[in-house]
PDB file of N, CA and C in Angstrom:
ATOM      1  N   MET A   1       6.653  28.598  20.770  1.00  0.00           N
ATOM      2  CA  MET A   1       7.854  27.754  20.154  1.00  0.00           C
ATOM      3  C   MET A   1       8.352  28.397  19.292  1.00  0.00           C
ATOM      4  N   LYS A   2       9.425  29.158  19.037  1.00  0.00           N
ATOM      5  CA  LYS A   2      10.238  29.945  18.100  1.00  0.00           C
ATOM      6  C   LYS A   2      10.870  28.585  16.993  1.00  0.00           C
ATOM      7  N   ALA A   3      10.310  29.387  15.361  1.00  0.00           N
ATOM      8  CA  ALA A   3      11.144  28.558  14.388  1.00  0.00           C
ATOM      9  C   ALA A   3      12.816  28.593  14.652  1.00  0.00           C
ATOM     10  N   LEU A   4      13.154  27.737  14.037  1.00  0.00           N
ATOM     11  CA  LEU A   4      14.519  27.424  13.829  1.00  0.00           C
ATOM     12  C   LEU A   4      14.944  27.518  12.381  1.00  0.00           C
ATOM     13  N   VAL A   5      16.281  28.918  12.658  1.00  0.00           N
ATOM     14  CA  VAL A   5      16.772  28.972  11.127  1.00  0.00           C
ATOM     15  C   VAL A   5      18.056  28.834  10.875  1.00  0.00           C
ATOM     16  N   LYS A   6      18.961  28.932  10.107  1.00  0.00           N
ATOM     17  CA  LYS A   6      20.334  28.203   9.976  1.00  0.00           C
ATOM     18  C   LYS A   6      21.198  28.831  11.088  1.00  0.00           C
ATOM     19  N   GLU A   7      20.892  30.445  11.204  1.00  0.00           N
ATOM     20  CA  GLU A   7      22.003  30.610  12.614  1.00  0.00           C
ATOM     21  C   GLU A   7      21.754  29.953  13.637  1.00  0.00           C
ATOM     22  N   ALA A   8      20.580  29.220  13.700  1.00  0.00           N
ATOM     23  CA  ALA A   8      19.956  28.594  15.338  1.00  0.00           C
ATOM     24  C   ALA A   8      21.435  27.962  15.743  1.00  0.00           C
ATOM     25  N   ILE A   9      21.411  27.768  17.371  1.00  0.00           N
ATOM     26  CA  ILE A   9      22.547  26.941  17.900  1.00  0.00           C
ATOM     27  C   ILE A   9      21.957  25.505  18.455  1.00  0.00           C
ATOM     28  N   LEU A  10      23.027  24.669  17.921  1.00  0.00           N
ATOM     29  CA  LEU A  10      22.146  23.035  18.019  1.00  0.00           C
ATOM     30  C   LEU A  10      23.730  22.861  18.818  1.00  0.00           C
ATOM     31  N   ARG A  11      23.572  21.797  20.216  1.00  0.00           N
ATOM     32  CA  ARG A  11      24.842  21.204  20.527  1.00  0.00           C
ATOM     33  C   ARG A  11      24.753  19.876  20.906  1.00  0.00           C
ATOM     34  N   CYS A  12      25.747  19.328  20.834  1.00  0.00           N
ATOM     35  CA  CYS A  12      25.657  17.776  22.211  1.00  0.00           C
ATOM     36  C   CYS A  12      25.475  17.842  23.322  1.00  0.00           C
ATOM     37  N   GLY A  13      25.532  17.195  23.641  1.00  0.00           N
ATOM     38  CA  GLY A  13      25.469  16.798  24.880  1.00  0.00           C
ATOM     39  C   GLY A  13      26.703  16.793  25.819  1.00  0.00           C
ATOM     40  N   HIS A  14      27.736  16.966  24.908  1.00  0.00           N
ATOM     41  CA  HIS A  14      29.165  17.447  25.835  1.00  0.00           C
ATOM     42  C   HIS A  14      29.797  18.594  25.305  1.00  0.00           C
ATOM     43  N   ASP A  15      29.016  19.810  24.360  1.00  0.00           N
ATOM     44  CA  ASP A  15      28.671  20.783  23.799  1.00  0.00           C
ATOM     45  C   ASP A  15      29.408  21.102  22.362  1.00  0.00           C
ATOM     46  N   GLY A  16      29.846  19.867  21.534  1.00  0.00           N
ATOM     47  CA  GLY A  16      30.187  20.202  20.297  1.00  0.00           C
ATOM     48  C   GLY A  16      28.915  20.666  19.607  1.00  0.00           C
ATOM     49  N   LYS A  17      29.284  21.618  18.601  1.00  0.00           N
ATOM     50  CA  LYS A  17      28.425  22.324  17.803  1.00  0.00           C
ATOM     51  C   LYS A  17      28.253  21.788  16.375  1.00  0.00           C
ATOM     52  N   VAL A  18      26.484  21.588  16.090  1.00  0.00           N
ATOM     53  CA  VAL A  18      26.235  21.042  15.091  1.00  0.00           C
ATOM     54  C   VAL A  18      26.189  21.880  13.968  1.00  0.00           C
ATOM     55  N   GLN A  19      26.410  21.736  12.736  1.00  0.00           N
ATOM     56  CA  GLN A  19      26.447  22.403  11.873  1.00  0.00           C
ATOM     57  C   GLN A  19      25.439  22.388  10.809  1.00  0.00           C
ATOM     58  N   ASN A  20      24.267  23.770  10.938  1.00  0.00           N
ATOM     59  CA  ASN A  20      23.428  23.588  10.218  1.00  0.00           C
ATOM     60  C   ASN A  20      23.393  23.689   9.029  1.00  0.00           C
ATOM     61  N   VAL A  21      22.254  22.702   8.147  1.00  0.00           N
ATOM     62  CA  VAL A  21      22.401  22.708   6.570  1.00  0.00           C
ATOM     63  C   VAL A  21      21.135  23.276   5.799  1.00  0.00           C
ATOM     64  N   PRO A  22      20.259  24.350   5.529  1.00  0.00           N
ATOM     65  CA  PRO A  22      19.016  24.292   5.060  1.00  0.00           C
ATOM     66  C   PRO A  22      19.028  23.959   4.158  1.00  0.00           C
ATOM     67  N   SER A  23      17.853  23.046   3.673  1.00  0.00           N
ATOM     68  CA  SER A  23      17.387  22.237   2.715  1.00  0.00           C
ATOM     69  C   SER A  23      16.417  23.002   1.681  1.00  0.00           C
ATOM     70  N   GLN A  24      15.803  24.375   2.201  1.00  0.00           N
ATOM     71  CA  GLN A  24      15.181  25.217   1.511  1.00  0.00           C
ATOM     72  C   GLN A  24      15.548  26.582   1.882  1.00  0.00           C
ATOM     73  N   GLU A  25      15.662  28.091   0.684  1.00  0.00           N
ATOM     74  CA  GLU A  25      16.339  28.741   0.638  1.00  0.00           C
ATOM     75  C   GLU A  25      15.211  30.422   0.658  1.00  0.00           C
ATOM     76  N   TRP A  26      13.804  29.563   0.341  1.00  0.00           N
ATOM     77  CA  TRP A  26      12.795  30.865  -0.245  1.00  0.00           C
ATOM     78  C   TRP A  26      11.981  31.291   1.406  1.00  0.00           C
ATOM     79  N   VAL A  27      12.040  30.468   2.159  1.00  0.00           N
ATOM     80  CA  VAL A  27      11.125  31.093   2.967  1.00  0.00           C
ATOM     81  C   VAL A  27      12.187  31.685   4.234  1.00  0.00           C
ATOM     82  N   ARG A  28      12.040  32.592   4.499  1.00  0.00           N
ATOM     83  CA  ARG A  28      13.515  33.332   5.332  1.00  0.00           C
ATOM     84  C   ARG A  28      12.961  33.901   6.520  1.00  0.00           C
ATOM     85  N   VAL A  29      13.768  34.354   7.401  1.00  0.00           N
ATOM     86  CA  VAL A  29      13.555  35.251   8.972  1.00  0.00           C
ATOM     87  C   VAL A  29      14.359  35.891   9.056  1.00  0.00           C
ATOM     88  N   ALA A  30      14.234  37.073   9.031  1.00  0.00           N
ATOM     89  CA  ALA A  30      15.376  38.144   9.254  1.00  0.00           C
ATOM     90  C   ALA A  30      16.406  37.750   8.143  1.00  0.00           C
ATOM     91  N   GLY A  31      16.352  37.272   7.188  1.00  0.00           N
ATOM     92  CA  GLY A  31      17.416  37.156   6.218  1.00  0.00           C
ATOM     93  C   GLY A  31      17.869  35.297   6.248  1.00  0.00           C
ATOM     94  N   SER A  32      17.267  34.832   7.042  1.00  0.00           N
ATOM     95  CA  SER A  32      18.203  33.942   7.370  1.00  0.00           C
ATOM     96  C   SER A  32      17.010  32.702   6.994  1.00  0.00           C
ATOM     97  N   PRO A  33      17.219  31.433   6.222  1.00  0.00           N
ATOM     98  CA  PRO A  33      16.144  30.343   5.738  1.00  0.00           C
ATOM     99  C   PRO A  33      15.783  29.682   7.230  1.00  0.00           C
ATOM    100  N   ILE A  34      14.684  29.065   6.747  1.00  0.00           N
ATOM    101  CA  ILE A  34      14.233  28.585   7.976  1.00  0.00           C
ATOM    102  C   ILE A  34      14.235  26.998   7.821  1.00  0.00           C
ATOM    103  N   LEU A  35      14.544  26.479   8.965  1.00  0.00           N
ATOM    104  CA  LEU A  35      15.233  24.597   9.087  1.00  0.00           C
ATOM    105  C   LEU A  35      13.800  23.953   8.545  1.00  0.00           C
ATOM    106  N   VAL A  36      13.787  22.986   8.173  1.00  0.00           N
ATOM    107  CA  VAL A  36      12.649  22.317   8.282  1.00  0.00           C
ATOM    108  C   VAL A  36      12.808  21.123   8.385  1.00  0.00           C
ATOM    109  N   ASP A  37      12.079  20.316   8.077  1.00  0.00           N
ATOM    110  CA  ASP A  37      12.060  18.181   8.507  1.00  0.00           C
ATOM    111  C   ASP A  37      12.970  17.814   7.779  1.00  0.00           C
ATOM    112  N   ASN A  38      13.983  17.479   8.631  1.00  0.00           N
ATOM    113  CA  ASN A  38      15.185  16.287   8.068  1.00  0.00           C
ATOM    114  C   ASN A  38      16.616  17.391   7.984  1.00  0.00           C
ATOM    115  N   ASP A  39      16.265  18.649   8.141  1.00  0.00           N
ATOM    116  CA  ASP A  39      17.540  19.448   8.402  1.00  0.00           C
ATOM    117  C   ASP A  39      18.220  19.246   9.446  1.00  0.00           C
ATOM    118  N   PRO A  40      18.150  19.087  10.570  1.00  0.00           N
ATOM    119  CA  PRO A  40      19.412  18.597  11.484  1.00  0.00           C
ATOM    120  C   PRO A  40      19.762  17.186  11.858  1.00  0.00           C
ATOM    121  N   GLN A  41      19.023  16.478  10.870  1.00  0.00           N
ATOM    122  CA  GLN A  41      19.739  15.008  10.708  1.00  0.00           C
ATOM    123  C   GLN A  41      20.666  14.542   9.847  1.00  0.00           C
ATOM    124  N   GLY A  42      21.860  13.879  10.266  1.00  0.00           N
ATOM    125  CA  GLY A  42      23.076  13.758   9.680  1.00  0.00           C
ATOM    126  C   GLY A  42      23.680  14.684   9.578  1.00  0.00           C
ATOM    127  N   ARG A  43      23.856  16.016  10.064  1.00  0.00           N
ATOM    128  CA  ARG A  43      24.865  16.993  10.236  1.00  0.00           C
ATOM    129  C   ARG A  43      26.224  16.599  11.007  1.00  0.00           C
ATOM    130  N   ASP A  44      27.126  17.100  10.349  1.00  0.00           N
ATOM    131  CA  ASP A  44      28.006  17.128  10.918  1.00  0.00           C
ATOM    132  C   ASP A  44      28.302  17.835  12.616  1.00  0.00           C
ATOM    133  N   ILE A  45      29.140  17.218  13.457  1.00  0.00           N
ATOM    134  CA  ILE A  45      29.113  17.925  14.891  1.00  0.00           C
ATOM    135  C   ILE A  45      30.595  18.046  14.698  1.00  0.00           C
ATOM    136  N   SER A  46      30.787  19.284  15.120  1.00  0.00           N
ATOM    137  CA  SER A  46      32.472  20.150  15.722  1.00  0.00           C
ATOM    138  C   SER A  46      32.736  19.976  17.010  1.00  0.00           C
ATOM    139  N   MET A  47      33.866  20.100  17.519  1.00  0.00           N
ATOM    140  CA  MET A  47      34.373  20.126  18.764  1.00  0.00           C
ATOM    141  C   MET A  47      34.039  19.309  19.535  1.00  0.00           C
ATOM    142  N   CYS A  48      33.552  17.985  19.661  1.00  0.00           N
ATOM    143  CA  CYS A  48      33.018  17.662  20.657  1.00  0.00           C
ATOM    144  C   CYS A  48      34.270  17.115  21.816  1.00  0.00           C
ATOM    145  N   PRO A  49      34.113  17.298  22.898  1.00  0.00           N
ATOM    146  CA  PRO A  49      34.869  17.380  23.903  1.00  0.00           C
ATOM    147  C   PRO A  49      35.331  15.693  24.601  1.00  0.00           C
ATOM    148  N   ASN A  50      34.375  15.297  23.957  1.00  0.00           N
ATOM    149  CA  ASN A  50      34.249  13.761  24.390  1.00  0.00           C
ATOM    150  C   ASN A  50      35.242  12.701  23.649  1.00  0.00           C
ATOM    151  N   ILE A  51      36.492  12.778  23.998  1.00  0.00           N
ATOM    152  CA  ILE A  51      37.716  12.142  23.493  1.00  0.00           C
ATOM    153  C   ILE A  51      38.823  11.352  24.402  1.00  0.00           C
ATOM    154  N   GLY A  52      38.969   9.853  24.075  1.00  0.00           N
ATOM    155  CA  GLY A  52      39.483   9.306  24.947  1.00  0.00           C
ATOM    156  C   GLY A  52      39.491   7.782  24.627  1.00  0.00           C
ATOM    157  N   ILE A  53      40.492   6.804  24.971  1.00  0.00           N
ATOM    158  CA  ILE A  53      40.331   5.601  24.991  1.00  0.00           C
ATOM    159  C   ILE A  53      38.945   5.171  25.354  1.00  0.00           C
ATOM    160  N   ASN A  54      38.789   3.866  23.502  1.00  0.00           N
ATOM    161  CA  ASN A  54      37.698   3.519  23.709  1.00  0.00           C
ATOM    162  C   ASN A  54      36.366   4.376  23.776  1.00  0.00           C
ATOM    163  N   ILE A  55      36.584   5.655  23.393  1.00  0.00           N
ATOM    164  CA  ILE A  55      35.327   6.843  23.400  1.00  0.00           C
ATOM    165  C   ILE A  55      35.609   7.196  22.178  1.00  0.00           C
ATOM    166  N   LYS A  56      33.817   7.320  21.358  1.00  0.00           N
ATOM    167  CA  LYS A  56      34.092   7.887  20.569  1.00  0.00           C
ATOM    168  C   LYS A  56      33.486   9.742  20.468  1.00  0.00           C
ATOM    169  N   PRO A  57      33.755  10.648  19.895  1.00  0.00           N
ATOM    170  CA  PRO A  57      33.118  11.983  20.097  1.00  0.00           C
ATOM    171  C   PRO A  57      32.086  11.974  18.786  1.00  0.00           C
ATOM    172  N   CYS A  58      31.288  13.182  19.334  1.00  0.00           N
ATOM    173  CA  CYS A  58      29.582  13.124  18.481  1.00  0.00           C
ATOM    174  C   CYS A  58      30.445  13.626  17.299  1.00  0.00           C
ATOM    175  N   ASN A  59      30.323  12.884  16.210  1.00  0.00           N
ATOM    176  CA  ASN A  59      30.761  13.100  14.678  1.00  0.00           C
ATOM    177  C   ASN A  59      29.258  14.086  13.741  1.00  0.00           C
ATOM    178  N   LYS A  60      28.008  12.930  14.058  1.00  0.00           N
ATOM    179  CA  LYS A  60      26.992  13.087  13.490  1.00  0.00           C
ATOM    180  C   LYS A  60      25.584  13.316  13.981  1.00  0.00           C
ATOM    181  N   THR A  61      24.551  14.528  13.430  1.00  0.00           N
ATOM    182  CA  THR A  61      23.197  13.374  14.392  1.00  0.00           C
ATOM    183  C   THR A  61      22.533  12.861  13.726  1.00  0.00           C
ATOM    184  N   LEU A  62      21.363  12.348  14.461  1.00  0.00           N
ATOM    185  CA  LEU A  62      20.838  11.297  14.327  1.00  0.00           C
ATOM    186  C   LEU A  62      19.625  11.759  13.612  1.00  0.00           C
ATOM    187  N   PRO A  63      18.463  10.524  13.375  1.00  0.00           N
ATOM    188  CA  PRO A  63      17.028  11.429  13.251  1.00  0.00           C
ATOM    189  C   PRO A  63      16.776  12.283  14.860  1.00  0.00           C
ATOM    190  N   VAL A  64      15.794  12.920  13.777  1.00  0.00           N
ATOM    191  CA  VAL A  64      15.097  13.790  15.259  1.00  0.00           C
ATOM    192  C   VAL A  64      14.106  12.940  15.545  1.00  0.00           C
ATOM    193  N   LEU A  65      14.333  13.375  17.047  1.00  0.00           N
ATOM    194  CA  LEU A  65      13.089  12.349  17.939  1.00  0.00           C
ATOM    195  C   LEU A  65      11.649  13.274  17.936  1.00  0.00           C
ATOM    196  N   LYS A  66      12.094  14.341  18.430  1.00  0.00           N
ATOM    197  CA  LYS A  66      10.487  15.655  18.607  1.00  0.00           C
ATOM    198  C   LYS A  66      11.072  16.946  18.174  1.00  0.00           C
ATOM    199  N   GLY A  67      10.559  17.646  17.661  1.00  0.00           N
ATOM    200  CA  GLY A  67      10.072  19.265  17.678  1.00  0.00           C
ATOM    201  C   GLY A  67       9.899  19.729  16.222  1.00  0.00           C
ATOM    202  N   TYR A  68       8.806  19.210  15.523  1.00  0.00           N
ATOM    203  CA  TYR A  68       8.626  19.698  14.303  1.00  0.00           C
ATOM    204  C   TYR A  68       7.357  19.708  14.441  1.00  0.00           C
ATOM    205  N   SER A  69       6.641  20.984  14.200  1.00  0.00           N
ATOM    206  CA  SER A  69       5.748  21.783  13.963  1.00  0.00           C
ATOM    207  C   SER A  69       4.681  20.350  13.428  1.00  0.00           C
ATOM    208  N   THR A  70       3.328  20.381  13.651  1.00  0.00           N
ATOM    209  CA  THR A  70       2.158  19.257  13.402  1.00  0.00           C
ATOM    210  C   THR A  70       1.568  20.268  12.168  1.00  0.00           C
ATOM    211  N   PHE A  71       1.681  21.590  12.597  1.00  0.00           N
ATOM    212  CA  PHE A  71       0.725  22.763  11.683  1.00  0.00           C
ATOM    213  C   PHE A  71       1.368  23.459  10.676  1.00  0.00           C
ATOM    214  N   VAL A  72       2.581  24.246  11.187  1.00  0.00           N
ATOM    215  CA  VAL A  72       3.133  24.602   9.659  1.00  0.00           C
ATOM    216  C   VAL A  72       4.162  24.250   8.780  1.00  0.00           C
ATOM    217  N   ARG A  73       4.057  23.806   7.731  1.00  0.00           N
ATOM    218  CA  ARG A  73       4.728  23.375   6.623  1.00  0.00           C
ATOM    219  C   ARG A  73       5.404  24.644   5.258  1.00  0.00           C
ATOM    220  N   ILE A  74       6.391  24.302   5.029  1.00  0.00           N
ATOM    221  CA  ILE A  74       7.113  25.003   3.830  1.00  0.00           C
ATOM    222  C   ILE A  74       7.341  23.392   2.846  1.00  0.00           C
ATOM    223  N   SER A  75       6.355  23.893   2.043  1.00  0.00           N
ATOM    224  CA  SER A  75       6.655  22.710   0.548  1.00  0.00           C
ATOM    225  C   SER A  75       6.367  21.019   1.244  1.00  0.00           C
ATOM    226  N   GLY A  76       5.742  21.313   2.127  1.00  0.00           N
ATOM    227  CA  GLY A  76       5.096  19.939   2.611  1.00  0.00           C
ATOM    228  C   GLY A  76       5.699  19.462   3.807  1.00  0.00           C
ATOM    229  N   LYS A  77       7.195  19.895   3.584  1.00  0.00           N
ATOM    230  CA  LYS A  77       7.497  19.758   5.057  1.00  0.00           C
ATOM    231  C   LYS A  77       7.583  20.508   6.270  1.00  0.00           C
ATOM    232  N   ARG A  78       7.818  20.018   7.519  1.00  0.00           N
ATOM    233  CA  ARG A  78       7.159  20.400   8.683  1.00  0.00           C
ATOM    234  C   ARG A  78       8.599  21.585   9.064  1.00  0.00           C
ATOM    235  N   ILE A  79       8.364  22.716   9.660  1.00  0.00           N
ATOM    236  CA  ILE A  79       9.101  23.055  10.096  1.00  0.00           C
ATOM    237  C   ILE A  79      10.089  22.807  11.544  1.00  0.00           C
ATOM    238  N   CYS A  80      11.347  23.217  11.743  1.00  0.00           N
ATOM    239  CA  CYS A  80      11.557  22.862  12.839  1.00  0.00           C
ATOM    240  C   CYS A  80      11.595  24.157  13.870  1.00  0.00           C
ATOM    241  N   LEU A  81      11.444  23.527  15.024  1.00  0.00           N
ATOM    242  CA  LEU A  81      11.047  24.465  16.743  1.00  0.00           C
ATOM    243  C   LEU A  81      11.935  24.243  17.450  1.00  0.00           C
ATOM    244  N   ASP A  82      11.996  25.244  18.246  1.00  0.00           N
ATOM    245  CA  ASP A  82      12.843  25.380  19.127  1.00  0.00           C
ATOM    246  C   ASP A  82      13.563  23.924  20.486  1.00  0.00           C
ATOM    247  N   THR A  83      12.500  23.174  20.368  1.00  0.00           N
ATOM    248  CA  THR A  83      12.202  21.629  20.646  1.00  0.00           C
ATOM    249  C   THR A  83      12.566  20.658  20.124  1.00  0.00           C
ATOM    250  N   VAL A  84      13.251  20.624  19.523  1.00  0.00           N
ATOM    251  CA  VAL A  84      14.296  19.797  18.372  1.00  0.00           C
ATOM    252  C   VAL A  84      15.203  19.292  19.368  1.00  0.00           C
ATOM    253  N   GLU A  85      14.960  17.692  19.189  1.00  0.00           N
ATOM    254  CA  GLU A  85      16.496  17.027  20.143  1.00  0.00           C
ATOM    255  C   GLU A  85      16.394  15.444  19.315  1.00  0.00           C
ATOM    256  N   GLY A  86      17.531  15.095  19.266  1.00  0.00           N
ATOM    257  CA  GLY A  86      17.786  13.622  18.672  1.00  0.00           C
ATOM    258  C   GLY A  86      19.166  13.271  19.294  1.00  0.00           C
ATOM    259  N   TYR A  87      19.421  11.989  18.915  1.00  0.00           N
ATOM    260  CA  TYR A  87      20.300  11.553  19.667  1.00  0.00           C
ATOM    261  C   TYR A  87      22.110  11.678  18.597  1.00  0.00           C
ATOM    262  N   THR A  88      22.766  11.730  18.807  1.00  0.00           N
ATOM    263  CA  THR A  88      24.171  12.028  18.009  1.00  0.00           C
ATOM    264  C   THR A  88      24.731  10.248  17.911  1.00  0.00           C
ATOM    265  N   ASP A  89      25.824  10.336  17.221  1.00  0.00           N
ATOM    266  CA  ASP A  89      26.672   8.823  16.763  1.00  0.00           C
ATOM    267  C   ASP A  89      27.692   8.228  17.788  1.00  0.00           C
ATOM    268  N   GLY A  90      27.496   9.736  19.304  1.00  0.00           N
ATOM    269  CA  GLY A  90      28.866   9.540  19.715  1.00  0.00           C
ATOM    270  C   GLY A  90      28.649   8.489  21.201  1.00  0.00           C
ATOM    271  N   THR A  91      29.334   8.381  22.163  1.00  0.00           N
ATOM    272  CA  THR A  91      29.413   7.181  22.800  1.00  0.00           C
ATOM    273  C   THR A  91      28.671   7.829  24.222  1.00  0.00           C
ATOM    274  N   PRO A  92      28.285   7.114  25.130  1.00  0.00           N
ATOM    275  CA  PRO A  92      27.455   5.911  24.910  1.00  0.00           C
ATOM    276  C   PRO A  92      26.526   5.997  23.901  1.00  0.00           C
ATOM    277  N   PRO A  93      26.019   4.671  22.796  1.00  0.00           N
ATOM    278  CA  PRO A  93      25.295   5.423  22.117  1.00  0.00           C
ATOM    279  C   PRO A  93      23.984   4.948  22.505  1.00  0.00           C
ATOM    280  N   GLY A  94      23.120   5.699  22.104  1.00  0.00           N
ATOM    281  CA  GLY A  94      21.921   5.821  22.625  1.00  0.00           C
ATOM    282  C   GLY A  94      21.672   6.619  23.973  1.00  0.00           C
ATOM    283  N   ALA A  95      22.514   7.889  24.094  1.00  0.00           N
ATOM    284  CA  ALA A  95      22.665   8.094  25.742  1.00  0.00           C
ATOM    285  C   ALA A  95      22.845   9.742  25.192  1.00  0.00           C
ATOM    286  N   VAL A  96      23.513   9.950  24.037  1.00  0.00           N
ATOM    287  CA  VAL A  96      23.785  11.652  24.200  1.00  0.00           C
ATOM    288  C   VAL A  96      23.114  11.675  23.015  1.00  0.00           C
ATOM    289  N   LYS A  97      21.829  13.296  23.865  1.00  0.00           N
ATOM    290  CA  LYS A  97      21.278  14.065  22.404  1.00  0.00           C
ATOM    291  C   LYS A  97      21.775  14.971  22.243  1.00  0.00           C
ATOM    292  N   TYR A  98      21.327  15.928  20.753  1.00  0.00           N
ATOM    293  CA  TYR A  98      21.739  17.166  20.877  1.00  0.00           C
ATOM    294  C   TYR A  98      20.405  17.939  20.644  1.00  0.00           C
ATOM    295  N   THR A  99      20.711  19.419  21.741  1.00  0.00           N
ATOM    296  CA  THR A  99      19.334  20.020  21.454  1.00  0.00           C
ATOM    297  C   THR A  99      19.436  21.546  21.259  1.00  0.00           C
ATOM    298  N   VAL A 100      18.816  21.928  20.971  1.00  0.00           N
ATOM    299  CA  VAL A 100      18.270  23.597  20.645  1.00  0.00           C
ATOM    300  C   VAL A 100      18.633  24.071  21.814  1.00  0.00           C
ATOM    301  N   ARG A 101      19.933  25.576  21.894  1.00  0.00           N
ATOM    302  CA  ARG A 101      20.194  26.295  22.601  1.00  0.00           C
ATOM    303  C   ARG A 101      20.178  27.450  22.235  1.00  0.00           C
ATOM    304  N   ARG A 102      19.729  28.041  21.232  1.00  0.00           N
ATOM    305  CA  ARG A 102      19.273  29.170  20.705  1.00  0.00           C
ATOM    306  C   ARG A 102      18.072  29.079  19.481  1.00  0.00           C
ATOM    307  N   PRO A 103      17.223  29.310  19.160  1.00  0.00           N
ATOM    308  CA  PRO A 103      16.903  29.365  17.899  1.00  0.00           C
ATOM    309  C   PRO A 103      17.429  30.100  16.695  1.00  0.00           C
ATOM    310  N   GLY A 104      18.047  31.376  16.818  1.00  0.00           N
ATOM    311  CA  GLY A 104      18.550  32.133  15.846  1.00  0.00           C
ATOM    312  C   GLY A 104      17.844  33.201  15.815  1.00  0.00           C
ATOM    313  N   GLN A 105      16.593  33.105  16.320  1.00  0.00           N
ATOM    314  CA  GLN A 105      15.809  34.332  15.542  1.00  0.00           C
ATOM    315  C   GLN A 105      14.559  34.881  16.717  1.00  0.00           C
ATOM    316  N   VAL A 106      13.800  35.743  17.104  1.00  0.00           N
ATOM    317  CA  VAL A 106      13.325  36.012  17.837  1.00  0.00           C
ATOM    318  C   VAL A 106      11.912  36.380  17.512  1.00  0.00           C
ATOM    319  N   PHE A 107      11.525  36.561  16.278  1.00  0.00           N
ATOM    320  CA  PHE A 107      10.348  36.929  15.483  1.00  0.00           C
ATOM    321  C   PHE A 107       9.476  35.618  15.424  1.00  0.00           C
ATOM    322  N   VAL A 108       9.596  34.730  15.046  1.00  0.00           N
ATOM    323  CA  VAL A 108       8.625  33.872  14.451  1.00  0.00           C
ATOM    324  C   VAL A 108       8.090  32.762  15.812  1.00  0.00           C
ATOM    325  N   ALA A 109       7.071  32.252  15.864  1.00  0.00           N
ATOM    326  CA  ALA A 109       6.627  31.194  16.893  1.00  0.00           C
ATOM    327  C   ALA A 109       5.772  30.372  16.564  1.00  0.00           C
ATOM    328  N   ALA A 110       5.572  29.083  16.380  1.00  0.00           N
ATOM    329  CA  ALA A 110       4.462  28.535  15.829  1.00  0.00           C
ATOM    330  C   ALA A 110       4.384  27.260  16.920  1.00  0.00           C
ATOM    331  N   ALA A 111       3.089  26.893  16.501  1.00  0.00           N
ATOM    332  CA  ALA A 111       2.582  25.920  17.387  1.00  0.00           C
ATOM    333  C   ALA A 111       3.206  24.449  17.802  1.00  0.00           C
ATOM    334  N   SER A 112       3.327  23.469  17.651  1.00  0.00           N
ATOM    335  CA  SER A 112       3.933  22.265  17.863  1.00  0.00           C
ATOM    336  C   SER A 112       2.727  21.760  17.050  1.00  0.00           C
TER     337      SER A 112
END
């Protein structure tokens, strides 16, 4: 499994784009900061096409359900892997997930 970096592409189930914001800047792969525990949570989602009457588009990511390394940590925080997945705040509630489409780098892999 590959480590996620700032340039990783995460999308909601409707193909809206998750905005990555790294909480640490000192450990990088090819110049890009590695994402760590809680970085994917609470992030803005743009361009979610799930719009309509009584339909709420995905605007924010909710807590990560899986996808953190249990072995590799940066300052005590688990790094994010390309298996990161969680729900969004879109409708229907508890049904729309965000997932990784591309980790943003091809050099660093880690065990889950």
